[in-house]
Amino acid sequence: MQIELIQTFLDLSETRSFNRTAERLSVTQSTVSGRINALERAVGHRLFSRSRAGTELTTAGLRFAPHARALLHAWTEARHAVGDSGGVLSMRIGIQSDLVTMHFNELIGDFRAALPGTAFLFEADYSAQMCADLMTGAEDFAIIFSPRYHDDLHFETVGEITYLMVSTEADRLAEVRQETYIMPHYSYAMPALHAALHPRLATASLSIGQNTAMVALLRSLGGTAYVLRNSADELMRDGLCRLVADAPPIPQPIFAGLHIRNRHRSAHRRLQQIVRTRFGSATGTLARRRVG
């Protein structure tokens, strides 16, 4: 099976650019064109229309896309099934980077206790990459901040965490200086929510997308920023920061993500319940959507 043809088709479906796909796959543009031509010959239809306006999926391409995703997912699953696992079931788990400092040891213990015959691989990453890995089957289960809704993916809210504003120099919002403020960018939705809460600070010149890096900056440079509640407590215990008392907390929902094919599998349901218990949501709110 020439799975690289499918991978190239799916990447080009997303980028709509032969140059961009060549860069992302680390091949030449002529290689991308050759793969697409070979795939079109194999299926007997034009999958893309090329013009000066750009590259677009044809009707046949649109129909082929969900089958291509299914083929890639099945291929990845097949490779894992025959891999060097000694006959042990393996589960690949992605977790949002900021959550590694919260309940991570307990999660690993809970997962292993719930599925004792399973070999786990845990990887900390960001939401976009984890959603892409769920699509291809490179990951089996992910704990994320920003779902990327797709026909092939299922998401469910399993909890919520909170970011608090702390400062090395201010006790009230009116005292926060824009020039020493660090914008939070922990999820795709956060900048818009932050701008609505703090329009005066929305044009700060520095923005950070990881809690650990934010804490390190506060410790080295000082200033004002939103950090996780447990990080805020630690910074205040160390006498480095104080809470900006009138700054509203910023909530961040947590989602469990998985491929739609795994939605009803008992192992995945058990993992989902464990995450929900650890992050404090009594009942999960269905967050899955279908898009055309």
C-alpha atoms as a PDB file:
ATOM      1  CA  MET A   1       0.000   0.000   0.000  1.00  0.00           C
ATOM      2  CA  GLN A   2       1.385   3.427  -0.958  1.00  0.00           C
ATOM      3  CA  ILE A   3       0.086   5.169   2.122  1.00  0.00           C
ATOM      4  CA  GLU A   4       2.141   8.274   1.265  1.00  0.00           C
ATOM      5  CA  LEU A   5      -0.355   8.953  -1.522  1.00  0.00           C
ATOM      6  CA  ILE A   6      -3.159   9.129   1.029  1.00  0.00           C
ATOM      7  CA  GLN A   7      -1.074  11.250   3.404  1.00  0.00           C
ATOM      8  CA  THR A   8      -0.241  13.676   0.608  1.00  0.00           C
ATOM      9  CA  PHE A   9      -3.881  13.876  -0.499  1.00  0.00           C
ATOM     10  CA  LEU A  10      -5.056  14.675   3.037  1.00  0.00           C
ATOM     11  CA  ASP A  11      -2.361  17.282   3.608  1.00  0.00           C
ATOM     12  CA  LEU A  12      -3.113  18.998   0.288  1.00  0.00           C
ATOM     13  CA  SER A  13      -6.822  18.907   1.160  1.00  0.00           C
ATOM     14  CA  GLU A  14      -5.938  21.016   4.192  1.00  0.00           C
ATOM     15  CA  THR A  15      -3.304  23.375   2.782  1.00  0.00           C
ATOM     16  CA  ARG A  16      -4.787  23.773  -0.751  1.00  0.00           C
ATOM     17  CA  SER A  17      -1.195  24.571  -1.749  1.00  0.00           C
ATOM     18  CA  PHE A  18       1.294  22.247  -3.465  1.00  0.00           C
ATOM     19  CA  ASN A  19       4.179  24.381  -2.151  1.00  0.00           C
ATOM     20  CA  ARG A  20       2.917  24.320   1.427  1.00  0.00           C
ATOM     21  CA  THR A  21       2.275  20.576   1.361  1.00  0.00           C
ATOM     22  CA  ALA A  22       5.760  19.980  -0.060  1.00  0.00           C
ATOM     23  CA  GLU A  23       7.237  21.987   2.830  1.00  0.00           C
ATOM     24  CA  ARG A  24       5.178  20.178   5.453  1.00  0.00           C
ATOM     25  CA  LEU A  25       6.024  16.723   4.088  1.00  0.00           C
ATOM     26  CA  SER A  26       9.683  17.624   3.433  1.00  0.00           C
ATOM     27  CA  VAL A  27       9.482  16.647  -0.240  1.00  0.00           C
ATOM     28  CA  THR A  28       9.656  18.540  -3.529  1.00  0.00           C
ATOM     29  CA  GLN A  29       6.631  20.086  -5.207  1.00  0.00           C
ATOM     30  CA  SER A  30       7.107  17.704  -8.129  1.00  0.00           C
ATOM     31  CA  THR A  31       6.875  14.784  -5.699  1.00  0.00           C
ATOM     32  CA  VAL A  32       3.569  16.109  -4.377  1.00  0.00           C
ATOM     33  CA  SER A  33       2.259  16.500  -7.936  1.00  0.00           C
ATOM     34  CA  GLY A  34       3.434  13.001  -8.833  1.00  0.00           C
ATOM     35  CA  ARG A  35       1.721  11.460  -5.829  1.00  0.00           C
ATOM     36  CA  ILE A  36      -1.549  13.243  -6.530  1.00  0.00           C
ATOM     37  CA  ASN A  37      -1.419  12.226 -10.197  1.00  0.00           C
ATOM     38  CA  ALA A  38      -0.759   8.605  -9.198  1.00  0.00           C
ATOM     39  CA  LEU A  39      -3.672   8.638  -6.763  1.00  0.00           C
ATOM     40  CA  GLU A  40      -5.992  10.176  -9.345  1.00  0.00           C
ATOM     41  CA  ARG A  41      -5.019   7.480 -11.823  1.00  0.00           C
ATOM     42  CA  ALA A  42      -5.670   4.804  -9.194  1.00  0.00           C
ATOM     43  CA  VAL A  43      -9.178   6.066  -8.339  1.00  0.00           C
ATOM     44  CA  GLY A  44      -9.991   7.054 -11.918  1.00  0.00           C
ATOM     45  CA  HIS A  45     -11.090  10.608 -11.129  1.00  0.00           C
ATOM     46  CA  ARG A  46      -9.665  14.103 -10.754  1.00  0.00           C
ATOM     47  CA  LEU A  47      -9.463  14.845  -7.037  1.00  0.00           C
ATOM     48  CA  PHE A  48      -8.249  18.450  -7.270  1.00  0.00           C
ATOM     49  CA  SER A  49      -8.879  21.299  -9.649  1.00  0.00           C
ATOM     50  CA  ARG A  50      -5.847  23.518 -10.275  1.00  0.00           C
ATOM     51  CA  SER A  51      -6.107  27.073 -11.486  1.00  0.00           C
ATOM     52  CA  ARG A  52      -4.556  30.481 -10.979  1.00  0.00           C
ATOM     53  CA  ALA A  53      -7.065  30.995  -8.188  1.00  0.00           C
ATOM     54  CA  GLY A  54      -5.625  28.050  -6.281  1.00  0.00           C
ATOM     55  CA  THR A  55      -6.162  24.358  -5.618  1.00  0.00           C
ATOM     56  CA  GLU A  56      -9.586  23.053  -4.657  1.00  0.00           C
ATOM     57  CA  LEU A  57     -11.108  19.636  -4.094  1.00  0.00           C
ATOM     58  CA  THR A  58     -13.353  18.431  -6.882  1.00  0.00           C
ATOM     59  CA  THR A  59     -16.669  16.738  -6.149  1.00  0.00           C
ATOM     60  CA  ALA A  60     -14.873  13.397  -6.428  1.00  0.00           C
ATOM     61  CA  GLY A  61     -12.189  14.678  -4.056  1.00  0.00           C
ATOM     62  CA  LEU A  62     -14.774  15.727  -1.494  1.00  0.00           C
ATOM     63  CA  ARG A  63     -16.355  12.279  -1.688  1.00  0.00           C
ATOM     64  CA  PHE A  64     -12.982  10.551  -1.429  1.00  0.00           C
ATOM     65  CA  ALA A  65     -11.751  12.574   1.596  1.00  0.00           C
ATOM     66  CA  PRO A  66     -13.607  10.708   4.402  1.00  0.00           C
ATOM     67  CA  HIS A  67     -12.504   7.367   2.926  1.00  0.00           C
ATOM     68  CA  ALA A  68      -8.917   8.612   2.787  1.00  0.00           C
ATOM     69  CA  ARG A  69      -9.041   9.563   6.457  1.00  0.00           C
ATOM     70  CA  ALA A  70     -10.468   6.150   7.302  1.00  0.00           C
ATOM     71  CA  LEU A  71      -7.725   4.430   5.298  1.00  0.00           C
ATOM     72  CA  LEU A  72      -4.980   6.389   7.045  1.00  0.00           C
ATOM     73  CA  HIS A  73      -6.462   5.694  10.456  1.00  0.00           C
ATOM     74  CA  ALA A  74      -6.837   1.986   9.693  1.00  0.00           C
ATOM     75  CA  TRP A  75      -3.256   1.843   8.395  1.00  0.00           C
ATOM     76  CA  THR A  76      -1.899   3.449  11.564  1.00  0.00           C
ATOM     77  CA  GLU A  77      -3.913   1.066  13.724  1.00  0.00           C
ATOM     78  CA  ALA A  78      -2.639  -1.901  11.704  1.00  0.00           C
ATOM     79  CA  ARG A  79       0.978  -0.809  12.152  1.00  0.00           C
ATOM     80  CA  HIS A  80       0.527  -0.526  15.894  1.00  0.00           C
ATOM     81  CA  ALA A  81      -1.220  -3.911  16.009  1.00  0.00           C
ATOM     82  CA  VAL A  82       1.756  -5.704  14.457  1.00  0.00           C
ATOM     83  CA  GLY A  83       4.396  -3.592  16.191  1.00  0.00           C
ATOM     84  CA  ASP A  84       6.871  -4.746  18.783  1.00  0.00           C
ATOM     85  CA  SER A  85       4.483  -4.691  21.757  1.00  0.00           C
ATOM     86  CA  GLY A  86       4.977  -8.255  22.949  1.00  0.00           C
ATOM     87  CA  GLY A  87       1.281  -8.907  22.594  1.00  0.00           C
ATOM     88  CA  VAL A  88       0.411  -6.139  25.086  1.00  0.00           C
ATOM     89  CA  LEU A  89      -2.356  -3.680  24.193  1.00  0.00           C
ATOM     90  CA  SER A  90      -0.916  -0.175  23.791  1.00  0.00           C
ATOM     91  CA  MET A  91      -2.627   3.191  24.285  1.00  0.00           C
ATOM     92  CA  ARG A  92      -1.130   6.470  23.155  1.00  0.00           C
ATOM     93  CA  ILE A  93      -2.322   9.367  25.334  1.00  0.00           C
ATOM     94  CA  GLY A  94      -1.862  13.062  24.556  1.00  0.00           C
ATOM     95  CA  ILE A  95      -2.213  15.654  27.302  1.00  0.00           C
ATOM     96  CA  GLN A  96      -2.251  19.451  27.139  1.00  0.00           C
ATOM     97  CA  SER A  97       1.126  20.779  28.267  1.00  0.00           C
ATOM     98  CA  ASP A  98      -0.325  22.917  31.069  1.00  0.00           C
ATOM     99  CA  LEU A  99      -2.069  19.895  32.602  1.00  0.00           C
ATOM    100  CA  VAL A 100       1.135  17.926  33.173  1.00  0.00           C
ATOM    101  CA  THR A 101       1.584  19.740  36.486  1.00  0.00           C
ATOM    102  CA  MET A 102      -1.959  18.854  37.625  1.00  0.00           C
ATOM    103  CA  HIS A 103      -2.972  15.326  38.677  1.00  0.00           C
ATOM    104  CA  PHE A 104      -0.522  13.826  36.168  1.00  0.00           C
ATOM    105  CA  ASN A 105       0.934  11.208  38.494  1.00  0.00           C
ATOM    106  CA  GLU A 106      -2.547  10.323  39.725  1.00  0.00           C
ATOM    107  CA  LEU A 107      -3.831  10.041  36.139  1.00  0.00           C
ATOM    108  CA  ILE A 108      -1.062   7.620  35.215  1.00  0.00           C
ATOM    109  CA  GLY A 109      -1.794   5.539  38.303  1.00  0.00           C
ATOM    110  CA  ASP A 110      -5.534   5.552  37.632  1.00  0.00           C
ATOM    111  CA  PHE A 111      -5.105   4.634  33.963  1.00  0.00           C
ATOM    112  CA  ARG A 112      -2.785   1.733  34.763  1.00  0.00           C
ATOM    113  CA  ALA A 113      -5.081   0.467  37.517  1.00  0.00           C
ATOM    114  CA  ALA A 114      -8.120   0.636  35.234  1.00  0.00           C
ATOM    115  CA  LEU A 115      -6.372  -1.107  32.307  1.00  0.00           C
ATOM    116  CA  PRO A 116      -3.645  -3.271  33.905  1.00  0.00           C
ATOM    117  CA  GLY A 117      -2.848  -5.165  30.705  1.00  0.00           C
ATOM    118  CA  THR A 118      -2.123  -1.997  28.724  1.00  0.00           C
ATOM    119  CA  ALA A 119       1.169  -0.316  27.815  1.00  0.00           C
ATOM    120  CA  PHE A 120       0.774   3.490  27.909  1.00  0.00           C
ATOM    121  CA  LEU A 121       2.692   6.170  26.053  1.00  0.00           C
ATOM    122  CA  PHE A 122       2.043   9.700  27.366  1.00  0.00           C
ATOM    123  CA  GLU A 123       2.977  12.800  25.351  1.00  0.00           C
ATOM    124  CA  ALA A 124       2.528  16.446  26.352  1.00  0.00           C
ATOM    125  CA  ASP A 125       1.535  18.626  23.403  1.00  0.00           C
ATOM    126  CA  TYR A 126      -0.785  21.380  22.166  1.00  0.00           C
ATOM    127  CA  SER A 127      -4.383  20.975  21.056  1.00  0.00           C
ATOM    128  CA  ALA A 128      -3.930  21.371  17.292  1.00  0.00           C
ATOM    129  CA  GLN A 129      -1.294  18.653  17.054  1.00  0.00           C
ATOM    130  CA  MET A 130      -3.207  16.287  19.323  1.00  0.00           C
ATOM    131  CA  CYS A 131      -6.363  16.657  17.222  1.00  0.00           C
ATOM    132  CA  ALA A 132      -4.330  15.915  14.092  1.00  0.00           C
ATOM    133  CA  ASP A 133      -2.851  12.838  15.794  1.00  0.00           C
ATOM    134  CA  LEU A 134      -6.302  11.612  16.795  1.00  0.00           C
ATOM    135  CA  MET A 135      -7.388  11.939  13.160  1.00  0.00           C
ATOM    136  CA  THR A 136      -4.569   9.743  11.860  1.00  0.00           C
ATOM    137  CA  GLY A 137      -4.624   7.262  14.751  1.00  0.00           C
ATOM    138  CA  ALA A 138      -1.194   8.346  16.027  1.00  0.00           C
ATOM    139  CA  GLU A 139      -2.952   8.965  19.362  1.00  0.00           C
ATOM    140  CA  ASP A 140      -5.828   7.028  20.932  1.00  0.00           C
ATOM    141  CA  PHE A 141      -7.020   9.525  23.543  1.00  0.00           C
ATOM    142  CA  ALA A 142      -6.254  13.174  24.266  1.00  0.00           C
ATOM    143  CA  ILE A 143      -6.894  15.649  27.084  1.00  0.00           C
ATOM    144  CA  ILE A 144      -7.039  19.070  25.474  1.00  0.00           C
ATOM    145  CA  PHE A 145      -8.073  22.719  25.757  1.00  0.00           C
ATOM    146  CA  SER A 146      -9.199  23.518  22.185  1.00  0.00           C
ATOM    147  CA  PRO A 147     -11.175  20.886  20.248  1.00  0.00           C
ATOM    148  CA  ARG A 148     -10.827  20.916  16.497  1.00  0.00           C
ATOM    149  CA  TYR A 149     -14.299  19.729  15.546  1.00  0.00           C
ATOM    150  CA  HIS A 150     -14.456  17.226  12.726  1.00  0.00           C
ATOM    151  CA  ASP A 151     -16.683  14.413  11.506  1.00  0.00           C
ATOM    152  CA  ASP A 152     -14.091  11.845  12.564  1.00  0.00           C
ATOM    153  CA  LEU A 153     -13.528  13.170  16.090  1.00  0.00           C
ATOM    154  CA  HIS A 154     -15.538  13.118  19.303  1.00  0.00           C
ATOM    155  CA  PHE A 155     -15.042  15.569  22.177  1.00  0.00           C
ATOM    156  CA  GLU A 156     -16.620  15.796  25.585  1.00  0.00           C
ATOM    157  CA  THR A 157     -16.064  18.314  28.369  1.00  0.00           C
ATOM    158  CA  VAL A 158     -14.634  16.610  31.425  1.00  0.00           C
ATOM    159  CA  GLY A 159     -13.741  19.469  33.736  1.00  0.00           C
ATOM    160  CA  GLU A 160     -12.385  22.965  34.117  1.00  0.00           C
ATOM    161  CA  ILE A 161      -9.319  24.690  35.505  1.00  0.00           C
ATOM    162  CA  THR A 162      -8.788  28.306  36.497  1.00  0.00           C
ATOM    163  CA  TYR A 163      -6.123  30.908  35.765  1.00  0.00           C
ATOM    164  CA  LEU A 164      -5.600  33.759  38.246  1.00  0.00           C
ATOM    165  CA  MET A 165      -3.883  37.115  37.767  1.00  0.00           C
ATOM    166  CA  VAL A 166      -0.822  37.599  39.960  1.00  0.00           C
ATOM    167  CA  SER A 167       1.763  40.356  40.008  1.00  0.00           C
ATOM    168  CA  THR A 168       5.133  41.250  41.435  1.00  0.00           C
ATOM    169  CA  GLU A 169       4.174  44.928  41.476  1.00  0.00           C
ATOM    170  CA  ALA A 170       0.399  45.448  41.657  1.00  0.00           C
ATOM    171  CA  ASP A 171      -2.457  44.616  44.011  1.00  0.00           C
ATOM    172  CA  ARG A 172      -5.310  46.053  41.941  1.00  0.00           C
ATOM    173  CA  LEU A 173      -6.143  46.112  38.227  1.00  0.00           C
ATOM    174  CA  ALA A 174      -5.769  49.885  38.046  1.00  0.00           C
ATOM    175  CA  GLU A 175      -2.123  49.483  39.098  1.00  0.00           C
ATOM    176  CA  VAL A 176      -1.226  46.925  36.399  1.00  0.00           C
ATOM    177  CA  ARG A 177       1.149  48.423  33.853  1.00  0.00           C
ATOM    178  CA  GLN A 178       0.736  47.465  30.199  1.00  0.00           C
ATOM    179  CA  GLU A 179       4.486  47.551  29.595  1.00  0.00           C
ATOM    180  CA  THR A 180       5.125  44.810  32.197  1.00  0.00           C
ATOM    181  CA  TYR A 181       1.981  42.771  31.547  1.00  0.00           C
ATOM    182  CA  ILE A 182       2.275  39.361  29.847  1.00  0.00           C
ATOM    183  CA  MET A 183      -0.746  38.261  27.807  1.00  0.00           C
ATOM    184  CA  PRO A 184      -2.050  34.693  28.328  1.00  0.00           C
ATOM    185  CA  HIS A 185      -2.512  32.585  25.190  1.00  0.00           C
ATOM    186  CA  TYR A 186      -3.112  29.153  26.707  1.00  0.00           C
ATOM    187  CA  SER A 187      -5.880  28.220  24.261  1.00  0.00           C
ATOM    188  CA  TYR A 188      -7.365  29.515  21.007  1.00  0.00           C
ATOM    189  CA  ALA A 189     -10.349  31.042  22.799  1.00  0.00           C
ATOM    190  CA  MET A 190      -8.399  32.779  25.550  1.00  0.00           C
ATOM    191  CA  PRO A 191      -7.216  35.928  23.703  1.00  0.00           C
ATOM    192  CA  ALA A 192     -10.794  36.901  22.815  1.00  0.00           C
ATOM    193  CA  LEU A 193     -12.038  36.230  26.340  1.00  0.00           C
ATOM    194  CA  HIS A 194      -9.113  38.139  27.803  1.00  0.00           C
ATOM    195  CA  ALA A 195      -9.694  41.105  25.482  1.00  0.00           C
ATOM    196  CA  ALA A 196     -13.315  41.309  26.621  1.00  0.00           C
ATOM    197  CA  LEU A 197     -12.252  41.305  30.278  1.00  0.00           C
ATOM    198  CA  HIS A 198      -9.233  43.600  29.948  1.00  0.00           C
ATOM    199  CA  PRO A 199      -9.368  45.770  26.813  1.00  0.00           C
ATOM    200  CA  ARG A 200      -6.673  48.062  28.247  1.00  0.00           C
ATOM    201  CA  LEU A 201      -4.202  45.179  28.425  1.00  0.00           C
ATOM    202  CA  ALA A 202      -5.125  43.486  25.140  1.00  0.00           C
ATOM    203  CA  THR A 203      -2.288  45.175  23.233  1.00  0.00           C
ATOM    204  CA  ALA A 204       0.510  44.081  25.550  1.00  0.00           C
ATOM    205  CA  SER A 205       3.707  43.416  23.603  1.00  0.00           C
ATOM    206  CA  LEU A 206       4.441  39.975  25.076  1.00  0.00           C
ATOM    207  CA  SER A 207       2.234  36.878  24.966  1.00  0.00           C
ATOM    208  CA  ILE A 208       2.950  33.366  26.297  1.00  0.00           C
ATOM    209  CA  GLY A 209       1.139  30.097  25.556  1.00  0.00           C
ATOM    210  CA  GLN A 210       2.465  27.853  28.315  1.00  0.00           C
ATOM    211  CA  ASN A 211       1.982  28.165  32.065  1.00  0.00           C
ATOM    212  CA  THR A 212       5.474  26.886  32.958  1.00  0.00           C
ATOM    213  CA  ALA A 213       7.083  29.507  30.717  1.00  0.00           C
ATOM    214  CA  MET A 214       4.846  32.208  32.197  1.00  0.00           C
ATOM    215  CA  VAL A 215       5.862  31.301  35.738  1.00  0.00           C
ATOM    216  CA  ALA A 216       9.533  31.305  34.743  1.00  0.00           C
ATOM    217  CA  LEU A 217       9.164  34.806  33.253  1.00  0.00           C
ATOM    218  CA  LEU A 218       7.490  36.122  36.377  1.00  0.00           C
ATOM    219  CA  ARG A 219      10.298  34.689  38.498  1.00  0.00           C
ATOM    220  CA  SER A 220      13.051  36.140  36.302  1.00  0.00           C
ATOM    221  CA  LEU A 221      11.589  39.403  34.991  1.00  0.00           C
ATOM    222  CA  GLY A 222       8.636  40.183  37.236  1.00  0.00           C
ATOM    223  CA  GLY A 223       5.451  41.813  36.013  1.00  0.00           C
ATOM    224  CA  THR A 224       1.815  40.719  35.918  1.00  0.00           C
ATOM    225  CA  ALA A 225       0.201  37.680  34.301  1.00  0.00           C
ATOM    226  CA  TYR A 226      -2.445  34.989  34.514  1.00  0.00           C
ATOM    227  CA  VAL A 227      -1.162  31.609  35.755  1.00  0.00           C
ATOM    228  CA  LEU A 228      -2.773  28.377  36.908  1.00  0.00           C
ATOM    229  CA  ARG A 229      -4.283  28.495  40.380  1.00  0.00           C
ATOM    230  CA  ASN A 230      -1.703  26.079  41.810  1.00  0.00           C
ATOM    231  CA  SER A 231       1.114  28.152  40.269  1.00  0.00           C
ATOM    232  CA  ALA A 232      -0.405  31.331  41.706  1.00  0.00           C
ATOM    233  CA  ASP A 233      -0.486  29.707  45.160  1.00  0.00           C
ATOM    234  CA  GLU A 234       3.164  28.684  44.838  1.00  0.00           C
ATOM    235  CA  LEU A 235       4.299  32.131  43.686  1.00  0.00           C
ATOM    236  CA  MET A 236       2.442  33.741  46.582  1.00  0.00           C
ATOM    237  CA  ARG A 237       3.825  31.235  49.113  1.00  0.00           C
ATOM    238  CA  ASP A 238       7.328  32.073  47.885  1.00  0.00           C
ATOM    239  CA  GLY A 239       6.615  35.771  48.495  1.00  0.00           C
ATOM    240  CA  LEU A 240       7.305  36.628  44.861  1.00  0.00           C
ATOM    241  CA  CYS A 241       3.793  37.579  43.711  1.00  0.00           C
ATOM    242  CA  ARG A 242       0.510  38.708  45.162  1.00  0.00           C
ATOM    243  CA  LEU A 243      -2.982  38.187  43.852  1.00  0.00           C
ATOM    244  CA  VAL A 244      -4.516  41.024  41.821  1.00  0.00           C
ATOM    245  CA  ALA A 245      -7.638  41.009  43.947  1.00  0.00           C
ATOM    246  CA  ASP A 246     -10.159  42.571  41.575  1.00  0.00           C
ATOM    247  CA  ALA A 247      -9.048  40.686  38.417  1.00  0.00           C
ATOM    248  CA  PRO A 248     -11.651  38.079  37.453  1.00  0.00           C
ATOM    249  CA  PRO A 249     -10.419  34.485  37.145  1.00  0.00           C
ATOM    250  CA  ILE A 250     -10.276  33.041  33.631  1.00  0.00           C
ATOM    251  CA  PRO A 251     -11.817  29.550  33.379  1.00  0.00           C
ATOM    252  CA  GLN A 252     -10.495  27.002  30.900  1.00  0.00           C
ATOM    253  CA  PRO A 253     -12.662  23.984  29.997  1.00  0.00           C
ATOM    254  CA  ILE A 254     -10.933  20.631  29.583  1.00  0.00           C
ATOM    255  CA  PHE A 255     -12.016  18.197  26.879  1.00  0.00           C
ATOM    256  CA  ALA A 256     -11.437  14.516  26.304  1.00  0.00           C
ATOM    257  CA  GLY A 257     -10.923  13.780  22.618  1.00  0.00           C
ATOM    258  CA  LEU A 258     -10.926  10.534  20.665  1.00  0.00           C
ATOM    259  CA  HIS A 259     -11.606   9.163  17.206  1.00  0.00           C
ATOM    260  CA  ILE A 260     -15.301   8.612  16.562  1.00  0.00           C
ATOM    261  CA  ARG A 261     -14.622   4.910  16.013  1.00  0.00           C
ATOM    262  CA  ASN A 262     -13.457   4.619  19.622  1.00  0.00           C
ATOM    263  CA  ARG A 263     -16.371   6.521  21.140  1.00  0.00           C
ATOM    264  CA  HIS A 264     -18.142   3.436  22.509  1.00  0.00           C
ATOM    265  CA  ARG A 265     -15.110   1.296  23.349  1.00  0.00           C
ATOM    266  CA  SER A 266     -15.023   0.381  27.020  1.00  0.00           C
ATOM    267  CA  ALA A 267     -11.328   1.255  27.481  1.00  0.00           C
ATOM    268  CA  HIS A 268     -11.833   4.777  26.153  1.00  0.00           C
ATOM    269  CA  ARG A 269     -14.972   5.299  28.235  1.00  0.00           C
ATOM    270  CA  ARG A 270     -13.042   4.295  31.370  1.00  0.00           C
ATOM    271  CA  LEU A 271     -10.253   6.739  30.598  1.00  0.00           C
ATOM    272  CA  GLN A 272     -12.807   9.487  30.008  1.00  0.00           C
ATOM    273  CA  GLN A 273     -14.440   8.855  33.389  1.00  0.00           C
ATOM    274  CA  ILE A 274     -11.059   8.918  35.143  1.00  0.00           C
ATOM    275  CA  VAL A 275     -10.195  12.295  33.606  1.00  0.00           C
ATOM    276  CA  ARG A 276     -13.631  13.651  34.525  1.00  0.00           C
ATOM    277  CA  THR A 277     -13.171  12.537  38.137  1.00  0.00           C
ATOM    278  CA  ARG A 278      -9.669  14.017  38.408  1.00  0.00           C
ATOM    279  CA  PHE A 279     -10.597  17.397  36.979  1.00  0.00           C
ATOM    280  CA  GLY A 280     -13.701  17.783  39.053  1.00  0.00           C
ATOM    281  CA  SER A 281     -16.682  17.748  36.663  1.00  0.00           C
ATOM    282  CA  ALA A 282     -19.568  15.705  37.971  1.00  0.00           C
ATOM    283  CA  THR A 283     -21.141  15.217  34.554  1.00  0.00           C
ATOM    284  CA  GLY A 284     -19.640  15.736  31.139  1.00  0.00           C
ATOM    285  CA  THR A 285     -21.340  18.079  28.712  1.00  0.00           C
ATOM    286  CA  LEU A 286     -21.529  16.710  25.211  1.00  0.00           C
ATOM    287  CA  ALA A 287     -19.339  18.844  23.007  1.00  0.00           C
ATOM    288  CA  ARG A 288     -19.166  16.919  19.789  1.00  0.00           C
ATOM    289  CA  ARG A 289     -20.206  18.567  16.544  1.00  0.00           C
ATOM    290  CA  ARG A 290     -20.463  17.414  12.965  1.00  0.00           C
ATOM    291  CA  VAL A 291     -19.340  19.680  10.210  1.00  0.00           C
ATOM    292  CA  GLY A 292     -19.662  19.290   6.477  1.00  0.00           C
END
